[in-house]
């Protein structure tokens, strides 16, 4: 068991290092594309594509006030964008009722594929 715990710890440390390096490289690529005003880029053997998304970030208090039934709030327990979207899709809550309960956050997704 000691060997498994030691290996797990080593791998978690390596994962942290890899995630940090990935974050730094992602930021470098995004900065380059933004400076050059590019949404796509091709390099030797790789294709880079930026996809801009807007995500809704709900305010718990405003969302609670906007929901017609406290029982609906219990289904959520806190503002979860995917659960709220499901309630809208199922016509449990009309989307216009939620219009002032969230802010939009722009997120850049980075896709890198081999040619």
C-alpha atoms as a PDB file:
ATOM      1  CA  UNK A   1       0.000   0.000   0.000  1.00  0.00           C
ATOM      2  CA  UNK A   2       2.876   2.352   0.766  1.00  0.00           C
ATOM      3  CA  UNK A   3       4.073   2.041  -2.826  1.00  0.00           C
ATOM      4  CA  UNK A   4       0.627   2.944  -4.214  1.00  0.00           C
ATOM      5  CA  UNK A   5       0.331   5.984  -1.926  1.00  0.00           C
ATOM      6  CA  UNK A   6       3.829   7.173  -2.824  1.00  0.00           C
ATOM      7  CA  UNK A   7       3.132   6.773  -6.574  1.00  0.00           C
ATOM      8  CA  UNK A   8      -0.203   8.544  -6.243  1.00  0.00           C
ATOM      9  CA  UNK A   9       1.504  11.488  -4.527  1.00  0.00           C
ATOM     10  CA  UNK A  10       4.196  11.616  -7.213  1.00  0.00           C
ATOM     11  CA  UNK A  11       1.616  11.612  -9.989  1.00  0.00           C
ATOM     12  CA  UNK A  12      -0.455  14.349  -8.306  1.00  0.00           C
ATOM     13  CA  UNK A  13       2.689  16.501  -8.052  1.00  0.00           C
ATOM     14  CA  UNK A  14       3.430  15.862 -11.731  1.00  0.00           C
ATOM     15  CA  UNK A  15      -0.190  16.693 -12.606  1.00  0.00           C
ATOM     16  CA  UNK A  16       0.122  20.067 -10.812  1.00  0.00           C
ATOM     17  CA  UNK A  17       3.313  20.837 -12.727  1.00  0.00           C
ATOM     18  CA  UNK A  18       1.724  19.856 -16.056  1.00  0.00           C
ATOM     19  CA  UNK A  19      -1.414  21.907 -15.355  1.00  0.00           C
ATOM     20  CA  UNK A  20       0.727  24.928 -14.494  1.00  0.00           C
ATOM     21  CA  UNK A  21       2.775  24.580 -17.683  1.00  0.00           C
ATOM     22  CA  UNK A  22      -0.393  24.063 -19.758  1.00  0.00           C
ATOM     23  CA  UNK A  23      -1.864  27.228 -18.247  1.00  0.00           C
ATOM     24  CA  UNK A  24       1.243  29.228 -19.079  1.00  0.00           C
ATOM     25  CA  UNK A  25       1.364  27.916 -22.665  1.00  0.00           C
ATOM     26  CA  UNK A  26      -2.365  28.516 -23.113  1.00  0.00           C
ATOM     27  CA  UNK A  27      -1.960  32.123 -21.935  1.00  0.00           C
ATOM     28  CA  UNK A  28       0.996  32.630 -24.286  1.00  0.00           C
ATOM     29  CA  UNK A  29      -0.943  31.267 -27.280  1.00  0.00           C
ATOM     30  CA  UNK A  30      -4.065  33.293 -26.417  1.00  0.00           C
ATOM     31  CA  UNK A  31      -2.026  36.483 -25.978  1.00  0.00           C
ATOM     32  CA  UNK A  32      -0.308  35.963 -29.323  1.00  0.00           C
ATOM     33  CA  UNK A  33      -3.616  35.376 -31.111  1.00  0.00           C
ATOM     34  CA  UNK A  34      -5.243  38.380 -29.438  1.00  0.00           C
ATOM     35  CA  UNK A  35      -2.301  40.659 -30.283  1.00  0.00           C
ATOM     36  CA  UNK A  36      -2.425  39.515 -33.909  1.00  0.00           C
ATOM     37  CA  UNK A  37      -6.265  39.562 -33.894  1.00  0.00           C
ATOM     38  CA  UNK A  38      -6.386  35.946 -35.027  1.00  0.00           C
ATOM     39  CA  UNK A  39      -9.079  33.377 -34.368  1.00  0.00           C
ATOM     40  CA  UNK A  40      -7.174  30.676 -36.259  1.00  0.00           C
ATOM     41  CA  UNK A  41      -3.487  30.022 -36.709  1.00  0.00           C
ATOM     42  CA  UNK A  42      -1.490  27.369 -38.519  1.00  0.00           C
ATOM     43  CA  UNK A  43       2.047  26.441 -37.599  1.00  0.00           C
ATOM     44  CA  UNK A  44       4.262  23.578 -38.693  1.00  0.00           C
ATOM     45  CA  UNK A  45       1.995  20.603 -38.278  1.00  0.00           C
ATOM     46  CA  UNK A  46      -0.592  22.206 -35.970  1.00  0.00           C
ATOM     47  CA  UNK A  47      -3.819  24.136 -36.333  1.00  0.00           C
ATOM     48  CA  UNK A  48      -4.913  26.493 -33.552  1.00  0.00           C
ATOM     49  CA  UNK A  49      -8.486  27.698 -33.266  1.00  0.00           C
ATOM     50  CA  UNK A  50      -9.959  30.107 -30.727  1.00  0.00           C
ATOM     51  CA  UNK A  51     -13.649  29.847 -29.951  1.00  0.00           C
ATOM     52  CA  UNK A  52     -15.220  32.668 -27.943  1.00  0.00           C
ATOM     53  CA  UNK A  53     -18.085  31.723 -25.674  1.00  0.00           C
ATOM     54  CA  UNK A  54     -20.299  33.693 -23.370  1.00  0.00           C
ATOM     55  CA  UNK A  55     -21.201  32.007 -20.124  1.00  0.00           C
ATOM     56  CA  UNK A  56     -23.901  33.103 -17.742  1.00  0.00           C
ATOM     57  CA  UNK A  57     -22.862  33.621 -14.144  1.00  0.00           C
ATOM     58  CA  UNK A  58     -25.960  33.810 -11.979  1.00  0.00           C
ATOM     59  CA  UNK A  59     -26.361  35.909  -8.856  1.00  0.00           C
ATOM     60  CA  UNK A  60     -27.868  33.612  -6.193  1.00  0.00           C
ATOM     61  CA  UNK A  61     -30.000  36.326  -4.567  1.00  0.00           C
ATOM     62  CA  UNK A  62     -31.419  37.698  -7.813  1.00  0.00           C
ATOM     63  CA  UNK A  63     -32.076  34.215  -9.140  1.00  0.00           C
ATOM     64  CA  UNK A  64     -33.910  33.237  -5.950  1.00  0.00           C
ATOM     65  CA  UNK A  65     -36.126  36.324  -6.275  1.00  0.00           C
ATOM     66  CA  UNK A  66     -36.836  35.557  -9.948  1.00  0.00           C
ATOM     67  CA  UNK A  67     -37.908  31.958  -9.438  1.00  0.00           C
ATOM     68  CA  UNK A  68     -41.671  31.671  -9.079  1.00  0.00           C
ATOM     69  CA  UNK A  69     -41.705  28.773  -6.658  1.00  0.00           C
ATOM     70  CA  UNK A  70     -39.354  28.099  -3.709  1.00  0.00           C
ATOM     71  CA  UNK A  71     -39.579  24.406  -4.593  1.00  0.00           C
ATOM     72  CA  UNK A  72     -37.791  25.177  -7.862  1.00  0.00           C
ATOM     73  CA  UNK A  73     -34.960  26.813  -5.897  1.00  0.00           C
ATOM     74  CA  UNK A  74     -34.590  23.587  -3.899  1.00  0.00           C
ATOM     75  CA  UNK A  75     -33.904  21.777  -7.158  1.00  0.00           C
ATOM     76  CA  UNK A  76     -30.960  24.085  -7.694  1.00  0.00           C
ATOM     77  CA  UNK A  77     -29.740  24.785  -4.128  1.00  0.00           C
ATOM     78  CA  UNK A  78     -27.326  27.277  -5.670  1.00  0.00           C
ATOM     79  CA  UNK A  79     -26.959  28.954  -9.031  1.00  0.00           C
ATOM     80  CA  UNK A  80     -25.756  26.305 -11.479  1.00  0.00           C
ATOM     81  CA  UNK A  81     -25.841  27.528 -15.082  1.00  0.00           C
ATOM     82  CA  UNK A  82     -26.487  24.089 -16.582  1.00  0.00           C
ATOM     83  CA  UNK A  83     -29.371  23.362 -14.179  1.00  0.00           C
ATOM     84  CA  UNK A  84     -30.901  26.786 -14.828  1.00  0.00           C
ATOM     85  CA  UNK A  85     -30.589  26.200 -18.581  1.00  0.00           C
ATOM     86  CA  UNK A  86     -32.387  22.867 -18.135  1.00  0.00           C
ATOM     87  CA  UNK A  87     -35.238  24.546 -16.245  1.00  0.00           C
ATOM     88  CA  UNK A  88     -35.583  27.096 -19.049  1.00  0.00           C
ATOM     89  CA  UNK A  89     -35.469  24.379 -21.702  1.00  0.00           C
ATOM     90  CA  UNK A  90     -38.168  22.397 -19.876  1.00  0.00           C
ATOM     91  CA  UNK A  91     -40.327  25.552 -19.639  1.00  0.00           C
ATOM     92  CA  UNK A  92     -40.322  25.412 -15.833  1.00  0.00           C
ATOM     93  CA  UNK A  93     -39.005  28.993 -15.767  1.00  0.00           C
ATOM     94  CA  UNK A  94     -39.385  31.445 -18.669  1.00  0.00           C
ATOM     95  CA  UNK A  95     -36.043  32.895 -19.803  1.00  0.00           C
ATOM     96  CA  UNK A  96     -37.327  36.492 -19.737  1.00  0.00           C
ATOM     97  CA  UNK A  97     -37.943  36.123 -16.004  1.00  0.00           C
ATOM     98  CA  UNK A  98     -34.181  35.521 -15.514  1.00  0.00           C
ATOM     99  CA  UNK A  99     -32.918  38.432 -17.631  1.00  0.00           C
ATOM    100  CA  UNK A 100     -31.401  40.451 -14.733  1.00  0.00           C
ATOM    101  CA  UNK A 101     -30.154  37.522 -12.672  1.00  0.00           C
ATOM    102  CA  UNK A 102     -26.849  36.886 -14.428  1.00  0.00           C
ATOM    103  CA  UNK A 103     -23.839  38.526 -16.004  1.00  0.00           C
ATOM    104  CA  UNK A 104     -22.124  37.315 -19.152  1.00  0.00           C
ATOM    105  CA  UNK A 105     -18.524  36.205 -18.968  1.00  0.00           C
ATOM    106  CA  UNK A 106     -16.524  35.870 -22.180  1.00  0.00           C
ATOM    107  CA  UNK A 107     -14.343  32.783 -22.264  1.00  0.00           C
ATOM    108  CA  UNK A 108     -11.821  31.853 -24.931  1.00  0.00           C
ATOM    109  CA  UNK A 109     -11.605  28.154 -25.656  1.00  0.00           C
ATOM    110  CA  UNK A 110      -8.358  26.973 -27.208  1.00  0.00           C
ATOM    111  CA  UNK A 111      -8.329  24.028 -29.616  1.00  0.00           C
ATOM    112  CA  UNK A 112      -5.014  22.709 -30.937  1.00  0.00           C
ATOM    113  CA  UNK A 113      -5.116  19.887 -33.470  1.00  0.00           C
ATOM    114  CA  UNK A 114      -2.476  18.122 -35.481  1.00  0.00           C
ATOM    115  CA  UNK A 115      -2.763  18.640 -39.246  1.00  0.00           C
END
